[in-house]
């Protein structure tokens, strides 16, 4: 016959009392600094980083029109009022925070695609790895294109040649292609996560339908990005000179031929 386990008897000495440890207060939704940092991380991924990504892809798409059109787009962007303030406040600092905090979330999170190969787990893993690819690529891209070599803000018409020279290396072409696909995937799935976390798509049906929209957006952006890469390596504009100013000046004010009278 089984017997119930009796609780331990209290100490016979009245001065000795059992130690009672204070409990941990329960975590509640929408409370704590971690919740706010997560919300900020999610928001910055869409605004302004997502908006900048779309603008950047549209600007790079101008490369399909040729070196002069691409240089004109670079010149226009660098002529915006307070462009350097906008660059740091709405591009560099948000990307830095989003990237570093994303790595922090990744290190604290856990995924197990071996024992739990569900779609959500694969998405979680892919989102983390594409984010790592994105932050590494963006870091080297900004350093090489913005702060090394010819200064594009002062020489915008050298932009096409600068990118073309970098992509003359087949390894860099592979880096650009992989990074473009990873960034577009990361952004498209990030929008889906943003809508779910912020309550924009309540319910499984709404999330499923919005998932198709995000997937289509990711494919369109990836195609645009890959087409822009092809504009630099496709051979239509080989050996673009670094200084396009004479060609631009000729297009704006063509020389006037002298007319001689008999």
Protein backbone atom coordinates (compact mmCIF):
# COMPACT_ATOMS: atom_id res chain seq x y z
CA UNK A 1 0.00 0.00 0.00
CA UNK A 2 1.45 3.37 -1.03
CA UNK A 3 1.92 6.00 1.59
CA UNK A 4 1.81 9.77 1.07
CA UNK A 5 5.05 11.61 1.58
CA UNK A 6 4.94 13.66 4.74
CA UNK A 7 6.28 17.25 4.73
CA UNK A 8 9.53 17.87 6.52
CA UNK A 9 9.09 18.60 10.19
CA UNK A 10 9.81 22.15 11.31
CA UNK A 11 12.97 22.84 13.24
CA UNK A 12 12.69 22.21 16.93
CA UNK A 13 14.56 25.38 17.79
CA UNK A 14 12.24 28.40 17.64
CA UNK A 15 15.00 30.76 16.39
CA UNK A 16 15.67 28.69 13.27
CA UNK A 17 13.13 29.38 10.56
CA UNK A 18 13.07 28.11 6.97
CA UNK A 19 14.41 30.53 4.38
CA UNK A 20 11.75 31.84 2.00
CA UNK A 21 13.09 33.23 -1.27
CA UNK A 22 11.29 36.13 -2.91
CA UNK A 23 9.61 35.17 -6.15
CA UNK A 24 10.18 36.75 -9.56
CA UNK A 25 7.33 38.99 -10.70
CA UNK A 26 5.56 37.63 -13.76
CA UNK A 27 6.29 39.14 -17.18
CA UNK A 28 3.38 40.89 -18.78
CA UNK A 29 2.79 41.93 -22.35
CA UNK A 30 3.65 45.50 -23.39
CA UNK A 31 5.82 46.01 -20.32
CA UNK A 32 9.56 46.36 -19.84
CA UNK A 33 12.39 47.86 -21.80
CA UNK A 34 12.84 44.72 -23.90
CA UNK A 35 9.35 45.16 -25.34
CA UNK A 36 10.10 48.77 -26.33
CA UNK A 37 13.47 47.85 -27.91
CA UNK A 38 11.80 45.07 -29.89
CA UNK A 39 9.08 47.43 -31.10
CA UNK A 40 11.66 50.03 -32.14
CA UNK A 41 13.68 47.37 -33.92
CA UNK A 42 10.60 46.21 -35.82
CA UNK A 43 9.50 49.74 -36.70
CA UNK A 44 12.90 50.87 -37.96
CA UNK A 45 13.06 47.84 -40.22
CA UNK A 46 10.08 49.22 -42.16
CA UNK A 47 10.45 52.97 -41.59
CA UNK A 48 12.94 54.35 -42.52
CA UNK A 49 15.15 51.39 -43.52
CA UNK A 50 12.55 49.70 -45.71
CA UNK A 51 11.65 52.99 -47.38
CA UNK A 52 15.33 53.65 -48.05
CA UNK A 53 15.76 50.17 -49.53
CA UNK A 54 12.95 50.76 -52.01
CA UNK A 55 14.35 54.19 -52.91
CA UNK A 56 17.84 52.74 -53.31
CA UNK A 57 16.61 50.00 -55.63
CA UNK A 58 14.66 52.51 -57.71
CA UNK A 59 17.74 54.75 -57.96
CA UNK A 60 19.96 51.83 -58.96
CA UNK A 61 17.37 50.86 -61.57
CA UNK A 62 18.37 54.07 -63.38
CA UNK A 63 21.62 52.29 -64.27
CA UNK A 64 19.68 50.46 -66.99
CA UNK A 65 19.40 53.81 -68.78
CA UNK A 66 23.15 54.27 -68.85
CA UNK A 67 25.99 55.96 -66.95
CA UNK A 68 24.75 59.50 -67.49
CA UNK A 69 21.23 58.78 -66.20
CA UNK A 70 22.69 56.95 -63.19
CA UNK A 71 25.06 59.82 -62.46
CA UNK A 72 22.20 62.32 -62.71
CA UNK A 73 20.25 60.32 -60.11
CA UNK A 74 23.24 60.28 -57.77
CA UNK A 75 23.66 64.02 -58.27
CA UNK A 76 19.98 64.64 -57.50
CA UNK A 77 20.10 62.65 -54.26
CA UNK A 78 23.23 64.46 -53.07
CA UNK A 79 21.69 67.85 -53.82
CA UNK A 80 18.79 67.38 -51.39
CA UNK A 81 18.62 69.90 -48.51
CA UNK A 82 20.44 68.75 -45.37
CA UNK A 83 21.35 65.55 -47.17
CA UNK A 84 24.16 64.66 -44.74
CA UNK A 85 21.86 65.06 -41.72
CA UNK A 86 19.21 62.96 -43.43
CA UNK A 87 21.84 60.39 -44.32
CA UNK A 88 22.94 59.86 -40.72
CA UNK A 89 19.59 60.27 -38.94
CA UNK A 90 17.43 58.22 -41.32
CA UNK A 91 19.92 55.78 -42.88
CA UNK A 92 23.18 55.08 -41.08
CA UNK A 93 22.05 55.19 -37.43
CA UNK A 94 18.79 53.23 -37.95
CA UNK A 95 20.63 50.55 -39.95
CA UNK A 96 23.32 50.34 -37.27
CA UNK A 97 20.77 49.91 -34.48
CA UNK A 98 18.58 47.49 -36.43
CA UNK A 99 21.56 45.36 -37.39
CA UNK A 100 23.25 45.22 -33.99
CA UNK A 101 20.02 44.63 -32.08
CA UNK A 102 19.06 41.99 -34.61
CA UNK A 103 22.30 40.15 -33.87
CA UNK A 104 21.53 40.48 -30.15
CA UNK A 105 18.08 38.93 -30.68
CA UNK A 106 19.62 36.15 -32.74
CA UNK A 107 22.15 35.28 -30.05
CA UNK A 108 19.41 35.12 -27.40
CA UNK A 109 16.94 33.19 -29.54
CA UNK A 110 16.85 29.48 -30.24
CA UNK A 111 15.85 27.51 -33.30
CA UNK A 112 16.00 23.79 -33.91
CA UNK A 113 15.32 22.94 -37.54
CA UNK A 114 16.62 19.38 -37.05
CA UNK A 115 14.07 18.19 -34.49
CA UNK A 116 11.37 20.77 -35.29
CA UNK A 117 11.49 21.32 -39.08
CA UNK A 118 8.33 23.42 -39.19
CA UNK A 119 7.87 26.30 -41.62
CA UNK A 120 7.90 28.91 -38.86
CA UNK A 121 11.21 27.58 -37.53
CA UNK A 122 12.75 27.66 -41.00
CA UNK A 123 11.49 31.22 -41.46
CA UNK A 124 12.99 32.22 -38.12
CA UNK A 125 16.36 30.74 -39.06
CA UNK A 126 16.35 32.22 -42.57
CA UNK A 127 15.45 35.65 -41.22
CA UNK A 128 18.41 35.60 -38.85
CA UNK A 129 20.96 34.45 -41.44
CA UNK A 130 19.73 36.84 -44.15
CA UNK A 131 19.92 39.65 -41.60
CA UNK A 132 23.54 38.76 -40.86
CA UNK A 133 24.34 38.71 -44.59
CA UNK A 134 22.61 42.07 -44.97
CA UNK A 135 24.49 43.85 -42.19
CA UNK A 136 27.87 42.52 -43.39
CA UNK A 137 27.17 43.45 -47.00
CA UNK A 138 25.81 46.91 -46.19
CA UNK A 139 28.83 47.63 -43.99
CA UNK A 140 31.38 46.84 -46.68
CA UNK A 141 29.26 48.46 -49.40
CA UNK A 142 28.96 51.77 -47.55
CA UNK A 143 32.67 51.82 -46.72
CA UNK A 144 33.79 51.04 -50.27
CA UNK A 145 31.29 53.15 -52.18
CA UNK A 146 30.79 56.05 -49.80
CA UNK A 147 34.10 56.53 -48.01
CA UNK A 148 36.76 54.97 -50.25
CA UNK A 149 38.04 55.99 -53.66
CA UNK A 150 36.49 58.85 -55.58
CA UNK A 151 33.95 60.81 -53.53
CA UNK A 152 30.57 60.40 -55.19
CA UNK A 153 28.88 63.39 -53.50
CA UNK A 154 31.44 65.65 -55.19
CA UNK A 155 31.72 63.55 -58.38
CA UNK A 156 28.31 61.96 -58.95
CA UNK A 157 28.98 61.14 -62.60
CA UNK A 158 31.77 58.80 -61.52
CA UNK A 159 29.25 56.54 -59.76
CA UNK A 160 28.63 54.16 -62.66
CA UNK A 161 32.32 53.59 -63.32
CA UNK A 162 33.03 53.08 -59.62
CA UNK A 163 30.41 50.34 -59.26
CA UNK A 164 31.41 48.82 -62.61
CA UNK A 165 35.05 48.58 -61.55
CA UNK A 166 34.05 46.86 -58.30
CA UNK A 167 31.90 44.36 -60.17
CA UNK A 168 34.73 43.56 -62.57
CA UNK A 169 35.69 40.98 -59.95
CA UNK A 170 33.48 37.86 -60.38
CA UNK A 171 33.62 37.21 -56.63
CA UNK A 172 32.10 40.62 -55.97
CA UNK A 173 29.35 39.88 -58.49
CA UNK A 174 28.53 36.74 -56.50
CA UNK A 175 28.55 38.76 -53.27
CA UNK A 176 26.19 41.35 -54.75
CA UNK A 177 23.78 38.72 -56.10
CA UNK A 178 23.64 36.72 -52.86
CA UNK A 179 23.29 39.88 -50.77
CA UNK A 180 20.54 41.27 -53.01
CA UNK A 181 18.42 38.13 -52.68
CA UNK A 182 19.06 37.93 -48.92
CA UNK A 183 18.18 41.59 -48.31
CA UNK A 184 14.95 41.42 -50.34
CA UNK A 185 13.94 38.22 -48.52
CA UNK A 186 14.75 39.75 -45.14
CA UNK A 187 12.75 42.89 -45.90
CA UNK A 188 9.72 41.06 -47.33
CA UNK A 189 9.46 38.67 -44.39
CA UNK A 190 10.22 41.54 -42.02
CA UNK A 191 7.14 43.37 -43.30
CA UNK A 192 5.05 40.26 -42.64
CA UNK A 193 6.42 40.04 -39.09
CA UNK A 194 5.84 43.76 -38.56
CA UNK A 195 2.19 43.47 -39.57
CA UNK A 196 1.70 40.48 -37.27
CA UNK A 197 3.46 42.02 -34.27
CA UNK A 198 1.68 45.37 -34.57
CA UNK A 199 -1.77 43.81 -34.93
CA UNK A 200 -2.25 44.90 -38.54
CA UNK A 201 -3.06 41.35 -39.67
CA UNK A 202 -5.10 39.72 -36.89
CA UNK A 203 -5.95 36.11 -37.51
CA UNK A 204 -4.39 33.28 -39.50
CA UNK A 205 -6.33 34.06 -42.69
CA UNK A 206 -5.20 37.69 -42.83
CA UNK A 207 -1.59 36.68 -42.20
CA UNK A 208 -1.71 34.04 -44.91
CA UNK A 209 -3.10 36.46 -47.49
CA UNK A 210 -0.64 39.16 -46.52
CA UNK A 211 2.13 36.58 -46.80
CA UNK A 212 1.41 36.27 -50.52
CA UNK A 213 1.63 40.05 -50.87
CA UNK A 214 4.97 40.16 -49.07
CA UNK A 215 6.33 37.29 -51.16
CA UNK A 216 5.34 39.07 -54.38
CA UNK A 217 6.96 42.28 -53.15
CA UNK A 218 10.17 40.44 -52.31
CA UNK A 219 10.31 38.85 -55.77
CA UNK A 220 9.73 42.20 -57.52
CA UNK A 221 12.42 43.95 -55.48
CA UNK A 222 14.90 41.11 -56.03
CA UNK A 223 14.31 41.19 -59.80
CA UNK A 224 14.86 44.96 -59.83
CA UNK A 225 18.07 44.60 -57.85
CA UNK A 226 19.44 41.82 -60.05
CA UNK A 227 18.55 43.80 -63.18
CA UNK A 228 20.50 46.76 -61.81
CA UNK A 229 23.53 44.53 -61.23
CA UNK A 230 23.24 43.31 -64.81
CA UNK A 231 23.33 46.92 -66.03
CA UNK A 232 26.90 47.22 -64.72
CA UNK A 233 28.22 43.82 -65.89
CA UNK A 234 26.11 43.06 -68.96
CA UNK A 235 28.51 44.67 -71.39
CA UNK A 236 26.19 47.34 -72.75
CA UNK A 237 28.33 50.13 -71.29
CA UNK A 238 31.88 48.69 -71.22
CA UNK A 239 34.81 50.61 -69.76
CA UNK A 240 32.78 53.61 -68.65
CA UNK A 241 35.15 56.55 -68.03
CA UNK A 242 35.32 57.92 -64.52
CA UNK A 243 34.89 61.50 -65.69
CA UNK A 244 31.62 61.89 -67.59
CA UNK A 245 31.51 65.67 -67.26
CA UNK A 246 32.59 66.34 -70.87
CA UNK A 247 29.87 64.01 -72.16
CA UNK A 248 27.26 65.60 -69.88
CA UNK A 249 28.31 69.11 -70.92
CA UNK A 250 28.08 68.08 -74.55
CA UNK A 251 24.56 66.77 -74.04
CA UNK A 252 23.44 69.94 -72.26
CA UNK A 253 25.10 72.47 -74.59
CA UNK A 254 26.18 70.92 -77.92
CA UNK A 255 28.79 72.87 -79.86
CA UNK A 256 27.50 75.35 -82.42
CA UNK A 257 28.86 74.82 -85.87
CA UNK A 258 30.11 77.87 -87.68
CA UNK A 259 28.27 78.69 -90.88
CA UNK A 260 30.43 80.12 -93.62
CA UNK A 261 28.85 82.18 -96.36
CA UNK A 262 30.05 81.79 -99.90
